[in-house]
PDB file of all heavy atoms in Angstrom:
ATOM      1  N   PHE A   1      -3.278   8.469   5.251  1.00  0.00           N
ATOM      2  CA  PHE A   1      -2.183   9.305   4.767  1.00  0.00           C
ATOM      3  C   PHE A   1      -2.479   9.765   3.346  1.00  0.00           C
ATOM      4  O   PHE A   1      -3.033   9.029   2.542  1.00  0.00           O
ATOM      5  CB  PHE A   1      -0.859   8.532   4.812  1.00  0.00           C
ATOM      6  CG  PHE A   1      -0.390   8.282   6.217  1.00  0.00           C
ATOM      7  CD1 PHE A   1      -0.753   7.126   6.889  1.00  0.00           C
ATOM      8  CD2 PHE A   1       0.400   9.207   6.870  1.00  0.00           C
ATOM      9  CE1 PHE A   1      -0.340   6.897   8.188  1.00  0.00           C
ATOM     10  CE2 PHE A   1       0.817   8.991   8.181  1.00  0.00           C
ATOM     11  CZ  PHE A   1       0.447   7.830   8.834  1.00  0.00           C
ATOM     12  N   ASP A   2      -2.109  11.002   3.080  1.00  0.00           N
ATOM     13  CA  ASP A   2      -2.319  11.609   1.785  1.00  0.00           C
ATOM     14  C   ASP A   2      -0.977  12.154   1.308  1.00  0.00           C
ATOM     15  O   ASP A   2      -0.742  13.359   1.334  1.00  0.00           O
ATOM     16  CB  ASP A   2      -3.375  12.716   1.908  1.00  0.00           C
ATOM     17  CG  ASP A   2      -3.667  13.395   0.588  1.00  0.00           C
ATOM     18  OD1 ASP A   2      -3.368  12.818  -0.471  1.00  0.00           O
ATOM     19  OD2 ASP A   2      -4.167  14.529   0.616  1.00  0.00           O
ATOM     20  N   LEU A   3      -0.099  11.244   0.944  1.00  0.00           N
ATOM     21  CA  LEU A   3       1.258  11.606   0.545  1.00  0.00           C
ATOM     22  C   LEU A   3       1.598  10.930  -0.777  1.00  0.00           C
ATOM     23  O   LEU A   3       1.204   9.776  -0.992  1.00  0.00           O
ATOM     24  CB  LEU A   3       2.272  11.085   1.574  1.00  0.00           C
ATOM     25  CG  LEU A   3       2.232  11.609   2.985  1.00  0.00           C
ATOM     26  CD1 LEU A   3       3.058  10.737   3.908  1.00  0.00           C
ATOM     27  CD2 LEU A   3       2.761  13.036   2.997  1.00  0.00           C
ATOM     28  N   PRO A   4       2.350  11.590  -1.625  1.00  0.00           N
ATOM     29  CA  PRO A   4       2.904  10.861  -2.767  1.00  0.00           C
ATOM     30  C   PRO A   4       3.940   9.871  -2.225  1.00  0.00           C
ATOM     31  O   PRO A   4       4.715  10.208  -1.322  1.00  0.00           O
ATOM     32  CB  PRO A   4       3.542  11.942  -3.634  1.00  0.00           C
ATOM     33  CG  PRO A   4       3.578  13.179  -2.812  1.00  0.00           C
ATOM     34  CD  PRO A   4       2.695  12.994  -1.621  1.00  0.00           C
ATOM     35  N   LEU A   5       3.917   8.660  -2.750  1.00  0.00           N
ATOM     36  CA  LEU A   5       4.807   7.607  -2.266  1.00  0.00           C
ATOM     37  C   LEU A   5       5.595   7.008  -3.424  1.00  0.00           C
ATOM     38  O   LEU A   5       5.082   6.911  -4.541  1.00  0.00           O
ATOM     39  CB  LEU A   5       4.004   6.499  -1.576  1.00  0.00           C
ATOM     40  CG  LEU A   5       3.105   6.923  -0.416  1.00  0.00           C
ATOM     41  CD1 LEU A   5       2.290   5.740   0.086  1.00  0.00           C
ATOM     42  CD2 LEU A   5       3.924   7.533   0.712  1.00  0.00           C
ATOM     43  N   ALA A   6       6.806   6.570  -3.122  1.00  0.00           N
ATOM     44  CA  ALA A   6       7.657   5.953  -4.136  1.00  0.00           C
ATOM     45  C   ALA A   6       8.377   4.736  -3.561  1.00  0.00           C
ATOM     46  O   ALA A   6       9.607   4.697  -3.504  1.00  0.00           O
ATOM     47  CB  ALA A   6       8.654   6.969  -4.672  1.00  0.00           C
ATOM     48  N   PRO A   7       7.628   3.718  -3.112  1.00  0.00           N
ATOM     49  CA  PRO A   7       8.302   2.522  -2.603  1.00  0.00           C
ATOM     50  C   PRO A   7       8.909   1.714  -3.747  1.00  0.00           C
ATOM     51  O   PRO A   7       8.264   1.527  -4.776  1.00  0.00           O
ATOM     52  CB  PRO A   7       7.170   1.749  -1.919  1.00  0.00           C
ATOM     53  CG  PRO A   7       5.941   2.147  -2.685  1.00  0.00           C
ATOM     54  CD  PRO A   7       6.170   3.582  -3.087  1.00  0.00           C
ATOM     55  N   ALA A   8      10.131   1.282  -3.574  1.00  0.00           N
ATOM     56  CA  ALA A   8      10.793   0.466  -4.591  1.00  0.00           C
ATOM     57  C   ALA A   8      10.465  -1.001  -4.331  1.00  0.00           C
ATOM     58  O   ALA A   8      10.619  -1.490  -3.212  1.00  0.00           O
ATOM     59  CB  ALA A   8      12.294   0.692  -4.545  1.00  0.00           C
ATOM     60  N   GLY A   9       9.989  -1.692  -5.361  1.00  0.00           N
ATOM     61  CA  GLY A   9       9.669  -3.110  -5.223  1.00  0.00           C
ATOM     62  C   GLY A   9       9.221  -3.695  -6.542  1.00  0.00           C
ATOM     63  O   GLY A   9       9.028  -2.976  -7.530  1.00  0.00           O
ATOM     64  N   THR A  10       9.036  -4.986  -6.531  1.00  0.00           N
ATOM     65  CA  THR A  10       8.581  -5.691  -7.732  1.00  0.00           C
ATOM     66  C   THR A  10       7.119  -5.338  -8.016  1.00  0.00           C
ATOM     67  O   THR A  10       6.423  -4.783  -7.157  1.00  0.00           O
ATOM     68  CB  THR A  10       8.687  -7.211  -7.548  1.00  0.00           C
ATOM     69  OG1 THR A  10       7.750  -7.610  -6.532  1.00  0.00           O
ATOM     70  CG2 THR A  10      10.113  -7.643  -7.149  1.00  0.00           C
ATOM     71  N   ALA A  11       6.657  -5.716  -9.183  1.00  0.00           N
ATOM     72  CA  ALA A  11       5.253  -5.479  -9.536  1.00  0.00           C
ATOM     73  C   ALA A  11       4.326  -6.183  -8.543  1.00  0.00           C
ATOM     74  O   ALA A  11       3.309  -5.617  -8.124  1.00  0.00           O
ATOM     75  CB  ALA A  11       4.975  -5.945 -10.963  1.00  0.00           C
ATOM     76  N   PHE A  12       4.667  -7.405  -8.138  1.00  0.00           N
ATOM     77  CA  PHE A  12       3.841  -8.133  -7.176  1.00  0.00           C
ATOM     78  C   PHE A  12       3.835  -7.405  -5.828  1.00  0.00           C
ATOM     79  O   PHE A  12       2.780  -7.230  -5.211  1.00  0.00           O
ATOM     80  CB  PHE A  12       4.334  -9.574  -7.004  1.00  0.00           C
ATOM     81  CG  PHE A  12       3.515 -10.359  -6.020  1.00  0.00           C
ATOM     82  CD1 PHE A  12       2.288 -10.894  -6.390  1.00  0.00           C
ATOM     83  CD2 PHE A  12       3.949 -10.548  -4.713  1.00  0.00           C
ATOM     84  CE1 PHE A  12       1.508 -11.604  -5.486  1.00  0.00           C
ATOM     85  CE2 PHE A  12       3.184 -11.250  -3.800  1.00  0.00           C
ATOM     86  CZ  PHE A  12       1.962 -11.787  -4.190  1.00  0.00           C
ATOM     87  N   GLN A  13       5.000  -6.986  -5.354  1.00  0.00           N
ATOM     88  CA  GLN A  13       5.068  -6.250  -4.093  1.00  0.00           C
ATOM     89  C   GLN A  13       4.234  -4.976  -4.164  1.00  0.00           C
ATOM     90  O   GLN A  13       3.491  -4.670  -3.234  1.00  0.00           O
ATOM     91  CB  GLN A  13       6.525  -5.911  -3.750  1.00  0.00           C
ATOM     92  CG  GLN A  13       7.335  -7.109  -3.314  1.00  0.00           C
ATOM     93  CD  GLN A  13       8.815  -6.805  -3.190  1.00  0.00           C
ATOM     94  OE1 GLN A  13       9.359  -5.941  -3.898  1.00  0.00           O
ATOM     95  NE2 GLN A  13       9.494  -7.515  -2.294  1.00  0.00           N
ATOM     96  N   GLN A  14       4.329  -4.251  -5.262  1.00  0.00           N
ATOM     97  CA  GLN A  14       3.550  -3.030  -5.419  1.00  0.00           C
ATOM     98  C   GLN A  14       2.052  -3.326  -5.327  1.00  0.00           C
ATOM     99  O   GLN A  14       1.298  -2.570  -4.703  1.00  0.00           O
ATOM    100  CB  GLN A  14       3.860  -2.351  -6.772  1.00  0.00           C
ATOM    101  CG  GLN A  14       5.290  -1.892  -6.930  1.00  0.00           C
ATOM    102  CD  GLN A  14       5.633  -0.653  -6.135  1.00  0.00           C
ATOM    103  OE1 GLN A  14       4.780   0.073  -5.651  1.00  0.00           O
ATOM    104  NE2 GLN A  14       6.921  -0.385  -5.992  1.00  0.00           N
ATOM    105  N   THR A  15       1.623  -4.439  -5.930  1.00  0.00           N
ATOM    106  CA  THR A  15       0.211  -4.827  -5.872  1.00  0.00           C
ATOM    107  C   THR A  15      -0.211  -5.102  -4.441  1.00  0.00           C
ATOM    108  O   THR A  15      -1.275  -4.656  -3.998  1.00  0.00           O
ATOM    109  CB  THR A  15      -0.036  -6.072  -6.757  1.00  0.00           C
ATOM    110  OG1 THR A  15       0.298  -5.731  -8.109  1.00  0.00           O
ATOM    111  CG2 THR A  15      -1.477  -6.536  -6.684  1.00  0.00           C
ATOM    112  N   VAL A  16       0.617  -5.807  -3.702  1.00  0.00           N
ATOM    113  CA  VAL A  16       0.311  -6.107  -2.292  1.00  0.00           C
ATOM    114  C   VAL A  16       0.276  -4.810  -1.487  1.00  0.00           C
ATOM    115  O   VAL A  16      -0.647  -4.585  -0.696  1.00  0.00           O
ATOM    116  CB  VAL A  16       1.327  -7.107  -1.695  1.00  0.00           C
ATOM    117  CG1 VAL A  16       1.155  -7.241  -0.184  1.00  0.00           C
ATOM    118  CG2 VAL A  16       1.189  -8.473  -2.378  1.00  0.00           C
ATOM    119  N   TRP A  17       1.253  -3.942  -1.688  1.00  0.00           N
ATOM    120  CA  TRP A  17       1.306  -2.698  -0.916  1.00  0.00           C
ATOM    121  C   TRP A  17       0.106  -1.798  -1.217  1.00  0.00           C
ATOM    122  O   TRP A  17      -0.408  -1.124  -0.327  1.00  0.00           O
ATOM    123  CB  TRP A  17       2.621  -1.968  -1.161  1.00  0.00           C
ATOM    124  CG  TRP A  17       3.832  -2.780  -0.762  1.00  0.00           C
ATOM    125  CD1 TRP A  17       3.883  -3.804   0.153  1.00  0.00           C
ATOM    126  CD2 TRP A  17       5.152  -2.657  -1.270  1.00  0.00           C
ATOM    127  NE1 TRP A  17       5.153  -4.319   0.237  1.00  0.00           N
ATOM    128  CE2 TRP A  17       5.954  -3.633  -0.630  1.00  0.00           C
ATOM    129  CE3 TRP A  17       5.742  -1.830  -2.212  1.00  0.00           C
ATOM    130  CZ2 TRP A  17       7.319  -3.776  -0.903  1.00  0.00           C
ATOM    131  CZ3 TRP A  17       7.090  -1.974  -2.480  1.00  0.00           C
ATOM    132  CH2 TRP A  17       7.870  -2.935  -1.822  1.00  0.00           C
ATOM    133  N   THR A  18      -0.362  -1.838  -2.449  1.00  0.00           N
ATOM    134  CA  THR A  18      -1.582  -1.093  -2.789  1.00  0.00           C
ATOM    135  C   THR A  18      -2.777  -1.669  -2.035  1.00  0.00           C
ATOM    136  O   THR A  18      -3.606  -0.928  -1.502  1.00  0.00           O
ATOM    137  CB  THR A  18      -1.829  -1.122  -4.308  1.00  0.00           C
ATOM    138  OG1 THR A  18      -0.730  -0.459  -4.957  1.00  0.00           O
ATOM    139  CG2 THR A  18      -3.133  -0.434  -4.677  1.00  0.00           C
ATOM    140  N   ALA A  19      -2.847  -2.993  -1.957  1.00  0.00           N
ATOM    141  CA  ALA A  19      -3.941  -3.643  -1.211  1.00  0.00           C
ATOM    142  C   ALA A  19      -3.873  -3.305   0.274  1.00  0.00           C
ATOM    143  O   ALA A  19      -4.909  -3.131   0.929  1.00  0.00           O
ATOM    144  CB  ALA A  19      -3.899  -5.154  -1.426  1.00  0.00           C
ATOM    145  N   LEU A  20      -2.682  -3.182   0.820  1.00  0.00           N
ATOM    146  CA  LEU A  20      -2.536  -2.824   2.232  1.00  0.00           C
ATOM    147  C   LEU A  20      -3.134  -1.445   2.503  1.00  0.00           C
ATOM    148  O   LEU A  20      -3.759  -1.237   3.546  1.00  0.00           O
ATOM    149  CB  LEU A  20      -1.058  -2.814   2.647  1.00  0.00           C
ATOM    150  CG  LEU A  20      -0.307  -4.139   2.616  1.00  0.00           C
ATOM    151  CD1 LEU A  20       1.161  -3.920   2.986  1.00  0.00           C
ATOM    152  CD2 LEU A  20      -0.946  -5.167   3.512  1.00  0.00           C
ATOM    153  N   ARG A  21      -2.971  -0.537   1.578  1.00  0.00           N
ATOM    154  CA  ARG A  21      -3.498   0.822   1.765  1.00  0.00           C
ATOM    155  C   ARG A  21      -5.021   0.847   1.779  1.00  0.00           C
ATOM    156  O   ARG A  21      -5.618   1.813   2.249  1.00  0.00           O
ATOM    157  CB  ARG A  21      -2.956   1.762   0.690  1.00  0.00           C
ATOM    158  CG  ARG A  21      -1.437   1.942   0.855  1.00  0.00           C
ATOM    159  CD  ARG A  21      -0.889   3.015  -0.009  1.00  0.00           C
ATOM    160  NE  ARG A  21      -1.270   4.311   0.576  1.00  0.00           N
ATOM    161  CZ  ARG A  21      -1.163   5.443  -0.070  1.00  0.00           C
ATOM    162  NH1 ARG A  21      -0.720   5.480  -1.304  1.00  0.00           N
ATOM    163  NH2 ARG A  21      -1.513   6.571   0.510  1.00  0.00           N
ATOM    164  N   ALA A  22      -5.647  -0.225   1.300  1.00  0.00           N
ATOM    165  CA  ALA A  22      -7.112  -0.302   1.276  1.00  0.00           C
ATOM    166  C   ALA A  22      -7.694  -0.858   2.582  1.00  0.00           C
ATOM    167  O   ALA A  22      -8.908  -0.859   2.761  1.00  0.00           O
ATOM    168  CB  ALA A  22      -7.573  -1.150   0.098  1.00  0.00           C
ATOM    169  N   ILE A  23      -6.834  -1.325   3.499  1.00  0.00           N
ATOM    170  CA  ILE A  23      -7.325  -1.846   4.772  1.00  0.00           C
ATOM    171  C   ILE A  23      -7.771  -0.656   5.624  1.00  0.00           C
ATOM    172  O   ILE A  23      -6.996   0.263   5.885  1.00  0.00           O
ATOM    173  CB  ILE A  23      -6.241  -2.639   5.533  1.00  0.00           C
ATOM    174  CG1 ILE A  23      -5.693  -3.772   4.675  1.00  0.00           C
ATOM    175  CG2 ILE A  23      -6.820  -3.199   6.844  1.00  0.00           C
ATOM    176  CD1 ILE A  23      -4.436  -4.420   5.252  1.00  0.00           C
ATOM    177  N   ASP A  24      -9.006  -0.678   6.043  1.00  0.00           N
ATOM    178  CA  ASP A  24      -9.551   0.430   6.817  1.00  0.00           C
ATOM    179  C   ASP A  24      -8.817   0.618   8.136  1.00  0.00           C
ATOM    180  O   ASP A  24      -8.440  -0.350   8.806  1.00  0.00           O
ATOM    181  CB  ASP A  24     -11.039   0.212   7.108  1.00  0.00           C
ATOM    182  CG  ASP A  24     -11.906   0.337   5.870  1.00  0.00           C
ATOM    183  OD1 ASP A  24     -11.493   1.029   4.913  1.00  0.00           O
ATOM    184  OD2 ASP A  24     -12.999  -0.262   5.865  1.00  0.00           O
ATOM    185  N   TYR A  25      -8.663   1.865   8.505  1.00  0.00           N
ATOM    186  CA  TYR A  25      -8.073   2.255   9.778  1.00  0.00           C
ATOM    187  C   TYR A  25      -8.846   1.574  10.914  1.00  0.00           C
ATOM    188  O   TYR A  25     -10.071   1.501  10.904  1.00  0.00           O
ATOM    189  CB  TYR A  25      -8.176   3.781   9.919  1.00  0.00           C
ATOM    190  CG  TYR A  25      -7.593   4.327  11.185  1.00  0.00           C
ATOM    191  CD1 TYR A  25      -6.263   4.717  11.241  1.00  0.00           C
ATOM    192  CD2 TYR A  25      -8.368   4.483  12.325  1.00  0.00           C
ATOM    193  CE1 TYR A  25      -5.720   5.246  12.404  1.00  0.00           C
ATOM    194  CE2 TYR A  25      -7.830   5.009  13.491  1.00  0.00           C
ATOM    195  CZ  TYR A  25      -6.504   5.385  13.519  1.00  0.00           C
ATOM    196  OH  TYR A  25      -5.972   5.898  14.677  1.00  0.00           O
ATOM    197  N   GLY A  26      -8.113   1.054  11.880  1.00  0.00           N
ATOM    198  CA  GLY A  26      -8.745   0.446  13.047  1.00  0.00           C
ATOM    199  C   GLY A  26      -9.247  -0.967  12.816  1.00  0.00           C
ATOM    200  O   GLY A  26      -9.900  -1.532  13.683  1.00  0.00           O
ATOM    201  N   THR A  27      -8.942  -1.538  11.646  1.00  0.00           N
ATOM    202  CA  THR A  27      -9.362  -2.909  11.348  1.00  0.00           C
ATOM    203  C   THR A  27      -8.141  -3.743  10.996  1.00  0.00           C
ATOM    204  O   THR A  27      -7.046  -3.214  10.800  1.00  0.00           O
ATOM    205  CB  THR A  27     -10.369  -2.966  10.180  1.00  0.00           C
ATOM    206  OG1 THR A  27      -9.709  -2.562   8.974  1.00  0.00           O
ATOM    207  CG2 THR A  27     -11.577  -2.086  10.433  1.00  0.00           C
ATOM    208  N   THR A  28      -8.345  -5.034  10.912  1.00  0.00           N
ATOM    209  CA  THR A  28      -7.284  -5.942  10.489  1.00  0.00           C
ATOM    210  C   THR A  28      -7.826  -6.875   9.412  1.00  0.00           C
ATOM    211  O   THR A  28      -9.038  -6.992   9.232  1.00  0.00           O
ATOM    212  CB  THR A  28      -6.758  -6.798  11.665  1.00  0.00           C
ATOM    213  OG1 THR A  28      -7.833  -7.560  12.212  1.00  0.00           O
ATOM    214  CG2 THR A  28      -6.122  -5.935  12.747  1.00  0.00           C
TER     215      THR A  28
END
């Protein structure tokens, strides 16, 4: 996805959500 995003969350949650975006498509 190539969208501007504005998820509301704590600094720790934001860090985790950023890491989730780095998981390659089709992998776990």
